[in-house]
Amino acid sequence: MSRENLVVGEGVVLGDDVEIGANVVIHDGTRIGDRVVIQDNVVLGKQPKLSSRSTSTRGTLGPLEIGEGAAVCSGAVVYAGTTIGPSAIVGDLASVRERCAIGEGVVIGRGVCVENDVPIGAFTKIQSNSYITAYSELEDHVFIAPCVTTTNDNLMGRTEARHEQIKGAIIRRGARVGGGVVILPGIEIGAEAFVAAGALVTRDVPPAKLVAGLPAHVWRDVPTEEMVDADGA
């Protein structure tokens, strides 16, 4: 364990066999399970600094909790009030905001931004440089390819009415979203659906359908052998 420039706040709980790199900051109350790996330049348990115009919920946050066998890689920032499940990975330079619930075995790739209040189900994978907006929901076994963008505000910051209308994407179990896809606010992508690379998703996607295009529309069914449960997963 490297302890060079390690800063540990009050009430931090460290499990057994935790590996900590250089220049790590662990804020007050953070709870870290057994066999967790924390690489260089990581910040854990950060408190949010909100704009006066932010639509994020305000209030006291509980501690960041990191489950056993998880890894937080170099330069990542994980906020207070979030839970990271066992064996999950938060990649280099990723950011996971407050009140997120990251499930077992989730992979959050390099440079991914997961905004506040996002639950992510077990074994979901989010690849590099994707943006998961606040108040989205990703269920188990979802696959998000690189550079996917989700959105949650049809008014794009104008008028106070937007506060009641903010809604992120809901991506159901086993759905797959290709590289460079843009998903508009409040869209639901059905279980086992497939969104082809580069699509603009402007309406809900039915379960087990492949959609593509600008805007995306249904092309065909997803083959049964490609579905999550086809191999007993």
C-alpha atoms as a PDB file:
ATOM      1  CA  MET A   1       0.000   0.000   0.000  1.00  0.00           C
ATOM      2  CA  SER A   2       1.338   3.412  -0.980  1.00  0.00           C
ATOM      3  CA  ARG A   3       0.568   6.217   1.480  1.00  0.00           C
ATOM      4  CA  GLU A   4       2.324   9.105  -0.287  1.00  0.00           C
ATOM      5  CA  ASN A   5       0.229  12.275   0.113  1.00  0.00           C
ATOM      6  CA  LEU A   6      -2.735  10.299   1.464  1.00  0.00           C
ATOM      7  CA  VAL A   7      -5.440  12.429   3.111  1.00  0.00           C
ATOM      8  CA  VAL A   8      -7.999  10.583   5.256  1.00  0.00           C
ATOM      9  CA  GLY A   9     -10.944  12.384   6.873  1.00  0.00           C
ATOM     10  CA  GLU A  10     -12.664  11.646  10.142  1.00  0.00           C
ATOM     11  CA  GLY A  11     -14.682   8.487  10.599  1.00  0.00           C
ATOM     12  CA  VAL A  12     -13.340   6.730   7.505  1.00  0.00           C
ATOM     13  CA  VAL A  13     -13.693   2.940   7.655  1.00  0.00           C
ATOM     14  CA  LEU A  14     -11.167   0.804   5.764  1.00  0.00           C
ATOM     15  CA  GLY A  15     -11.642  -2.934   5.267  1.00  0.00           C
ATOM     16  CA  ASP A  16      -8.929  -5.546   5.132  1.00  0.00           C
ATOM     17  CA  ASP A  17      -6.326  -5.672   2.349  1.00  0.00           C
ATOM     18  CA  VAL A  18      -7.286  -2.306   0.827  1.00  0.00           C
ATOM     19  CA  GLU A  19      -4.770  -1.051  -1.745  1.00  0.00           C
ATOM     20  CA  ILE A  20      -4.323   2.729  -1.896  1.00  0.00           C
ATOM     21  CA  GLY A  21      -2.197   4.638  -4.400  1.00  0.00           C
ATOM     22  CA  ALA A  22      -0.505   8.031  -4.159  1.00  0.00           C
ATOM     23  CA  ASN A  23      -2.237  11.405  -3.800  1.00  0.00           C
ATOM     24  CA  VAL A  24      -5.571   9.965  -2.672  1.00  0.00           C
ATOM     25  CA  VAL A  25      -8.170  11.994  -0.734  1.00  0.00           C
ATOM     26  CA  ILE A  26     -10.780  10.108   1.300  1.00  0.00           C
ATOM     27  CA  HIS A  27     -13.400  12.434   2.792  1.00  0.00           C
ATOM     28  CA  ASP A  28     -15.138  12.093   6.153  1.00  0.00           C
ATOM     29  CA  GLY A  29     -17.258   9.023   6.804  1.00  0.00           C
ATOM     30  CA  THR A  30     -16.369   7.071   3.652  1.00  0.00           C
ATOM     31  CA  ARG A  31     -16.722   3.292   4.073  1.00  0.00           C
ATOM     32  CA  ILE A  32     -14.428   1.045   2.051  1.00  0.00           C
ATOM     33  CA  GLY A  33     -14.861  -2.717   1.981  1.00  0.00           C
ATOM     34  CA  ASP A  34     -12.313  -5.515   1.949  1.00  0.00           C
ATOM     35  CA  ARG A  35      -9.884  -5.907  -0.962  1.00  0.00           C
ATOM     36  CA  VAL A  36     -10.833  -2.612  -2.595  1.00  0.00           C
ATOM     37  CA  VAL A  37      -8.257  -1.067  -4.952  1.00  0.00           C
ATOM     38  CA  ILE A  38      -7.939   2.727  -4.970  1.00  0.00           C
ATOM     39  CA  GLN A  39      -5.433   3.962  -7.539  1.00  0.00           C
ATOM     40  CA  ASP A  40      -3.478   7.215  -7.743  1.00  0.00           C
ATOM     41  CA  ASN A  41      -5.114  10.666  -7.586  1.00  0.00           C
ATOM     42  CA  VAL A  42      -8.571   9.411  -6.595  1.00  0.00           C
ATOM     43  CA  VAL A  43     -11.042  11.545  -4.588  1.00  0.00           C
ATOM     44  CA  LEU A  44     -13.647   9.633  -2.556  1.00  0.00           C
ATOM     45  CA  GLY A  45     -16.673  10.984  -0.672  1.00  0.00           C
ATOM     46  CA  LYS A  46     -16.576  14.460  -2.221  1.00  0.00           C
ATOM     47  CA  GLN A  47     -19.415  16.803  -1.301  1.00  0.00           C
ATOM     48  CA  PRO A  48     -21.152  18.474  -4.277  1.00  0.00           C
ATOM     49  CA  LYS A  49     -20.830  22.193  -4.929  1.00  0.00           C
ATOM     50  CA  LEU A  50     -24.116  23.181  -6.593  1.00  0.00           C
ATOM     51  CA  SER A  51     -25.039  26.211  -8.653  1.00  0.00           C
ATOM     52  CA  SER A  52     -27.919  28.298  -7.321  1.00  0.00           C
ATOM     53  CA  ARG A  53     -29.798  27.269 -10.489  1.00  0.00           C
ATOM     54  CA  SER A  54     -29.073  23.548 -10.170  1.00  0.00           C
ATOM     55  CA  THR A  55     -32.009  21.114 -10.397  1.00  0.00           C
ATOM     56  CA  SER A  56     -30.187  18.643  -8.156  1.00  0.00           C
ATOM     57  CA  THR A  57     -31.781  17.705  -4.831  1.00  0.00           C
ATOM     58  CA  ARG A  58     -30.173  19.399  -1.860  1.00  0.00           C
ATOM     59  CA  GLY A  59     -29.737  18.025   1.616  1.00  0.00           C
ATOM     60  CA  THR A  60     -27.474  16.008   3.874  1.00  0.00           C
ATOM     61  CA  LEU A  61     -25.705  13.118   2.181  1.00  0.00           C
ATOM     62  CA  GLY A  62     -24.814   9.813   3.732  1.00  0.00           C
ATOM     63  CA  PRO A  63     -21.318   8.382   3.408  1.00  0.00           C
ATOM     64  CA  LEU A  64     -19.867   6.972   0.221  1.00  0.00           C
ATOM     65  CA  GLU A  65     -19.831   3.180   0.499  1.00  0.00           C
ATOM     66  CA  ILE A  66     -17.589   0.974  -1.658  1.00  0.00           C
ATOM     67  CA  GLY A  67     -18.228  -2.773  -1.693  1.00  0.00           C
ATOM     68  CA  GLU A  68     -15.634  -5.488  -1.373  1.00  0.00           C
ATOM     69  CA  GLY A  69     -13.402  -6.197  -4.327  1.00  0.00           C
ATOM     70  CA  ALA A  70     -14.328  -2.982  -6.143  1.00  0.00           C
ATOM     71  CA  ALA A  71     -11.765  -0.761  -7.876  1.00  0.00           C
ATOM     72  CA  VAL A  72     -11.622   3.000  -8.326  1.00  0.00           C
ATOM     73  CA  CYS A  73      -9.006   3.806 -10.954  1.00  0.00           C
ATOM     74  CA  SER A  74      -6.600   6.716 -11.386  1.00  0.00           C
ATOM     75  CA  GLY A  75      -8.048  10.215 -11.306  1.00  0.00           C
ATOM     76  CA  ALA A  76     -11.645   9.162 -10.637  1.00  0.00           C
ATOM     77  CA  VAL A  77     -13.956  11.175  -8.363  1.00  0.00           C
ATOM     78  CA  VAL A  78     -16.815   9.498  -6.474  1.00  0.00           C
ATOM     79  CA  TYR A  79     -19.176  11.639  -4.412  1.00  0.00           C
ATOM     80  CA  ALA A  80     -20.730  11.186  -0.985  1.00  0.00           C
ATOM     81  CA  GLY A  81     -24.156   9.573  -0.773  1.00  0.00           C
ATOM     82  CA  THR A  82     -23.324   6.965  -3.419  1.00  0.00           C
ATOM     83  CA  THR A  83     -22.851   3.214  -3.133  1.00  0.00           C
ATOM     84  CA  ILE A  84     -20.461   1.206  -5.303  1.00  0.00           C
ATOM     85  CA  GLY A  85     -21.309  -2.489  -5.379  1.00  0.00           C
ATOM     86  CA  PRO A  86     -18.926  -5.411  -4.927  1.00  0.00           C
ATOM     87  CA  SER A  87     -16.465  -6.045  -7.759  1.00  0.00           C
ATOM     88  CA  ALA A  88     -17.533  -2.905  -9.627  1.00  0.00           C
ATOM     89  CA  ILE A  89     -14.930  -0.841 -11.483  1.00  0.00           C
ATOM     90  CA  VAL A  90     -14.859   2.937 -11.831  1.00  0.00           C
ATOM     91  CA  GLY A  91     -12.383   3.702 -14.609  1.00  0.00           C
ATOM     92  CA  ASP A  92      -9.657   6.303 -14.974  1.00  0.00           C
ATOM     93  CA  LEU A  93     -10.909   9.920 -14.824  1.00  0.00           C
ATOM     94  CA  ALA A  94     -14.535   8.855 -14.359  1.00  0.00           C
ATOM     95  CA  SER A  95     -16.954  10.847 -12.200  1.00  0.00           C
ATOM     96  CA  VAL A  96     -19.839   9.377 -10.209  1.00  0.00           C
ATOM     97  CA  ARG A  97     -22.048  11.961  -8.515  1.00  0.00           C
ATOM     98  CA  GLU A  98     -24.113  11.848  -5.324  1.00  0.00           C
ATOM     99  CA  ARG A  99     -27.000   9.455  -4.589  1.00  0.00           C
ATOM    100  CA  CYS A 100     -26.030   6.940  -7.260  1.00  0.00           C
ATOM    101  CA  ALA A 101     -26.424   3.215  -6.640  1.00  0.00           C
ATOM    102  CA  ILE A 102     -23.889   1.240  -8.671  1.00  0.00           C
ATOM    103  CA  GLY A 103     -24.608  -2.492  -8.708  1.00  0.00           C
ATOM    104  CA  GLU A 104     -22.419  -5.550  -8.441  1.00  0.00           C
ATOM    105  CA  GLY A 105     -19.878  -6.026 -11.220  1.00  0.00           C
ATOM    106  CA  VAL A 106     -20.707  -2.772 -13.007  1.00  0.00           C
ATOM    107  CA  VAL A 107     -17.985  -1.371 -15.268  1.00  0.00           C
ATOM    108  CA  ILE A 108     -17.819   2.415 -15.637  1.00  0.00           C
ATOM    109  CA  GLY A 109     -15.261   3.179 -18.316  1.00  0.00           C
ATOM    110  CA  ARG A 110     -12.580   5.795 -18.716  1.00  0.00           C
ATOM    111  CA  GLY A 111     -13.862   9.364 -18.645  1.00  0.00           C
ATOM    112  CA  VAL A 112     -17.509   8.400 -18.075  1.00  0.00           C
ATOM    113  CA  CYS A 113     -19.669  10.928 -16.232  1.00  0.00           C
ATOM    114  CA  VAL A 114     -22.549   9.545 -14.168  1.00  0.00           C
ATOM    115  CA  GLU A 115     -24.585  12.433 -12.800  1.00  0.00           C
ATOM    116  CA  ASN A 116     -26.593  12.493  -9.572  1.00  0.00           C
ATOM    117  CA  ASP A 117     -29.476  10.185  -8.628  1.00  0.00           C
ATOM    118  CA  VAL A 118     -28.751   7.378 -11.087  1.00  0.00           C
ATOM    119  CA  PRO A 119     -29.254   3.699 -10.208  1.00  0.00           C
ATOM    120  CA  ILE A 120     -27.206   1.288 -12.346  1.00  0.00           C
ATOM    121  CA  GLY A 121     -28.058  -2.404 -12.209  1.00  0.00           C
ATOM    122  CA  ALA A 122     -25.697  -5.329 -11.772  1.00  0.00           C
ATOM    123  CA  PHE A 123     -23.216  -6.230 -14.522  1.00  0.00           C
ATOM    124  CA  THR A 124     -24.013  -3.195 -16.664  1.00  0.00           C
ATOM    125  CA  LYS A 125     -21.112  -1.842 -18.749  1.00  0.00           C
ATOM    126  CA  ILE A 126     -20.678   1.823 -19.685  1.00  0.00           C
ATOM    127  CA  GLN A 127     -17.800   2.401 -22.051  1.00  0.00           C
ATOM    128  CA  SER A 128     -15.409   5.352 -22.358  1.00  0.00           C
ATOM    129  CA  ASN A 129     -16.551   8.966 -22.504  1.00  0.00           C
ATOM    130  CA  SER A 130     -20.283   8.307 -22.203  1.00  0.00           C
ATOM    131  CA  TYR A 131     -22.547  10.732 -20.336  1.00  0.00           C
ATOM    132  CA  ILE A 132     -25.324   9.424 -18.091  1.00  0.00           C
ATOM    133  CA  THR A 133     -27.469  12.368 -17.106  1.00  0.00           C
ATOM    134  CA  ALA A 134     -29.114  12.933 -13.726  1.00  0.00           C
ATOM    135  CA  TYR A 135     -32.300  11.008 -12.914  1.00  0.00           C
ATOM    136  CA  SER A 136     -31.649   8.282 -15.466  1.00  0.00           C
ATOM    137  CA  GLU A 137     -32.036   4.589 -14.654  1.00  0.00           C
ATOM    138  CA  LEU A 138     -30.050   1.672 -16.088  1.00  0.00           C
ATOM    139  CA  GLU A 139     -31.155  -1.839 -15.212  1.00  0.00           C
ATOM    140  CA  ASP A 140     -29.075  -5.044 -15.062  1.00  0.00           C
ATOM    141  CA  HIS A 141     -26.900  -6.212 -17.972  1.00  0.00           C
ATOM    142  CA  VAL A 142     -27.240  -2.990 -19.971  1.00  0.00           C
ATOM    143  CA  PHE A 143     -24.453  -2.227 -22.456  1.00  0.00           C
ATOM    144  CA  ILE A 144     -23.570   1.397 -23.264  1.00  0.00           C
ATOM    145  CA  ALA A 145     -20.979   1.844 -26.019  1.00  0.00           C
ATOM    146  CA  PRO A 146     -18.479   4.754 -26.120  1.00  0.00           C
ATOM    147  CA  CYS A 147     -19.599   8.382 -26.390  1.00  0.00           C
ATOM    148  CA  VAL A 148     -23.308   7.800 -25.734  1.00  0.00           C
ATOM    149  CA  THR A 149     -25.149  10.939 -24.561  1.00  0.00           C
ATOM    150  CA  THR A 150     -28.318  10.939 -22.462  1.00  0.00           C
ATOM    151  CA  THR A 151     -30.304  14.113 -21.741  1.00  0.00           C
ATOM    152  CA  ASN A 152     -32.975  15.130 -19.236  1.00  0.00           C
ATOM    153  CA  ASP A 153     -34.139  18.706 -19.921  1.00  0.00           C
ATOM    154  CA  ASN A 154     -36.285  19.556 -22.948  1.00  0.00           C
ATOM    155  CA  LEU A 155     -36.193  23.249 -21.975  1.00  0.00           C
ATOM    156  CA  MET A 156     -32.379  23.272 -21.746  1.00  0.00           C
ATOM    157  CA  GLY A 157     -32.159  25.413 -18.653  1.00  0.00           C
ATOM    158  CA  ARG A 158     -34.863  27.957 -19.511  1.00  0.00           C
ATOM    159  CA  THR A 159     -37.875  28.697 -17.235  1.00  0.00           C
ATOM    160  CA  GLU A 160     -38.534  27.446 -13.744  1.00  0.00           C
ATOM    161  CA  ALA A 161     -41.077  24.961 -15.136  1.00  0.00           C
ATOM    162  CA  ARG A 162     -38.216  22.679 -16.103  1.00  0.00           C
ATOM    163  CA  HIS A 163     -37.684  21.688 -12.455  1.00  0.00           C
ATOM    164  CA  GLU A 164     -40.894  19.638 -12.544  1.00  0.00           C
ATOM    165  CA  GLN A 165     -40.137  18.123 -15.944  1.00  0.00           C
ATOM    166  CA  ILE A 166     -36.550  16.908 -15.588  1.00  0.00           C
ATOM    167  CA  LYS A 167     -36.427  13.234 -16.530  1.00  0.00           C
ATOM    168  CA  GLY A 168     -33.539  11.102 -17.724  1.00  0.00           C
ATOM    169  CA  ALA A 169     -33.559   7.946 -19.810  1.00  0.00           C
ATOM    170  CA  ILE A 170     -34.773   4.575 -18.551  1.00  0.00           C
ATOM    171  CA  ILE A 171     -32.795   1.731 -20.103  1.00  0.00           C
ATOM    172  CA  ARG A 172     -34.269  -1.658 -19.323  1.00  0.00           C
ATOM    173  CA  ARG A 173     -32.568  -4.990 -18.639  1.00  0.00           C
ATOM    174  CA  GLY A 174     -30.275  -6.313 -21.337  1.00  0.00           C
ATOM    175  CA  ALA A 175     -30.679  -3.333 -23.685  1.00  0.00           C
ATOM    176  CA  ARG A 176     -27.685  -2.313 -25.813  1.00  0.00           C
ATOM    177  CA  VAL A 177     -26.888   1.199 -26.995  1.00  0.00           C
ATOM    178  CA  GLY A 178     -24.322   1.718 -29.763  1.00  0.00           C
ATOM    179  CA  GLY A 179     -21.510   4.233 -30.036  1.00  0.00           C
ATOM    180  CA  GLY A 180     -22.354   7.912 -30.374  1.00  0.00           C
ATOM    181  CA  VAL A 181     -26.100   7.505 -29.746  1.00  0.00           C
ATOM    182  CA  VAL A 182     -28.042  10.503 -28.403  1.00  0.00           C
ATOM    183  CA  ILE A 183     -31.099   9.782 -26.241  1.00  0.00           C
ATOM    184  CA  LEU A 184     -33.614  12.592 -25.633  1.00  0.00           C
ATOM    185  CA  PRO A 185     -35.170  13.301 -22.197  1.00  0.00           C
ATOM    186  CA  GLY A 186     -37.564  10.807 -20.674  1.00  0.00           C
ATOM    187  CA  ILE A 187     -37.052   8.094 -23.300  1.00  0.00           C
ATOM    188  CA  GLU A 188     -37.521   4.447 -22.288  1.00  0.00           C
ATOM    189  CA  ILE A 189     -35.479   1.810 -24.088  1.00  0.00           C
ATOM    190  CA  GLY A 190     -37.133  -1.551 -23.656  1.00  0.00           C
ATOM    191  CA  ALA A 191     -35.596  -4.754 -22.348  1.00  0.00           C
ATOM    192  CA  GLU A 192     -33.218  -6.435 -24.810  1.00  0.00           C
ATOM    193  CA  ALA A 193     -33.593  -3.589 -27.329  1.00  0.00           C
ATOM    194  CA  PHE A 194     -30.665  -2.681 -29.593  1.00  0.00           C
ATOM    195  CA  VAL A 195     -29.955   0.927 -30.601  1.00  0.00           C
ATOM    196  CA  ALA A 196     -27.584   1.097 -33.567  1.00  0.00           C
ATOM    197  CA  ALA A 197     -24.530   3.368 -33.515  1.00  0.00           C
ATOM    198  CA  GLY A 198     -25.116   7.033 -34.257  1.00  0.00           C
ATOM    199  CA  ALA A 199     -28.899   6.933 -33.765  1.00  0.00           C
ATOM    200  CA  LEU A 200     -30.945   9.842 -32.411  1.00  0.00           C
ATOM    201  CA  VAL A 201     -33.583   8.360 -30.096  1.00  0.00           C
ATOM    202  CA  THR A 202     -36.632  10.636 -29.964  1.00  0.00           C
ATOM    203  CA  ARG A 203     -39.303   8.137 -28.885  1.00  0.00           C
ATOM    204  CA  ASP A 204     -39.550   5.050 -26.709  1.00  0.00           C
ATOM    205  CA  VAL A 205     -37.931   1.893 -28.086  1.00  0.00           C
ATOM    206  CA  PRO A 206     -40.023  -1.306 -27.789  1.00  0.00           C
ATOM    207  CA  PRO A 207     -38.518  -4.329 -26.064  1.00  0.00           C
ATOM    208  CA  ALA A 208     -36.378  -6.663 -28.194  1.00  0.00           C
ATOM    209  CA  LYS A 209     -36.413  -4.378 -31.248  1.00  0.00           C
ATOM    210  CA  LEU A 210     -33.454  -3.021 -33.227  1.00  0.00           C
ATOM    211  CA  VAL A 211     -33.719   0.674 -34.024  1.00  0.00           C
ATOM    212  CA  ALA A 212     -31.462   2.847 -36.183  1.00  0.00           C
ATOM    213  CA  GLY A 213     -31.433   6.206 -37.927  1.00  0.00           C
ATOM    214  CA  LEU A 214     -32.052   9.928 -37.497  1.00  0.00           C
ATOM    215  CA  PRO A 215     -34.523   9.811 -35.883  1.00  0.00           C
ATOM    216  CA  ALA A 216     -34.339   6.159 -34.824  1.00  0.00           C
ATOM    217  CA  HIS A 217     -37.048   3.798 -36.046  1.00  0.00           C
ATOM    218  CA  VAL A 218     -37.630   0.059 -35.809  1.00  0.00           C
ATOM    219  CA  TRP A 219     -35.826  -2.084 -38.376  1.00  0.00           C
ATOM    220  CA  ARG A 220     -36.228  -5.628 -37.075  1.00  0.00           C
ATOM    221  CA  ASP A 221     -36.419  -7.916 -34.057  1.00  0.00           C
ATOM    222  CA  VAL A 222     -33.382  -8.685 -31.918  1.00  0.00           C
ATOM    223  CA  PRO A 223     -32.405 -12.357 -32.448  1.00  0.00           C
ATOM    224  CA  THR A 224     -33.263 -14.563 -29.505  1.00  0.00           C
ATOM    225  CA  GLU A 225     -29.718 -15.942 -29.353  1.00  0.00           C
ATOM    226  CA  GLU A 226     -28.359 -12.433 -28.638  1.00  0.00           C
ATOM    227  CA  MET A 227     -30.473 -11.908 -25.538  1.00  0.00           C
ATOM    228  CA  VAL A 228     -29.036 -11.908 -22.031  1.00  0.00           C
ATOM    229  CA  ASP A 229     -30.851 -15.043 -20.908  1.00  0.00           C
ATOM    230  CA  ALA A 230     -29.995 -17.031 -24.050  1.00  0.00           C
ATOM    231  CA  ASP A 231     -26.796 -18.245 -22.365  1.00  0.00           C
ATOM    232  CA  GLY A 232     -28.222 -18.443 -18.853  1.00  0.00           C
ATOM    233  CA  ALA A 233     -26.796 -15.097 -17.691  1.00  0.00           C
END
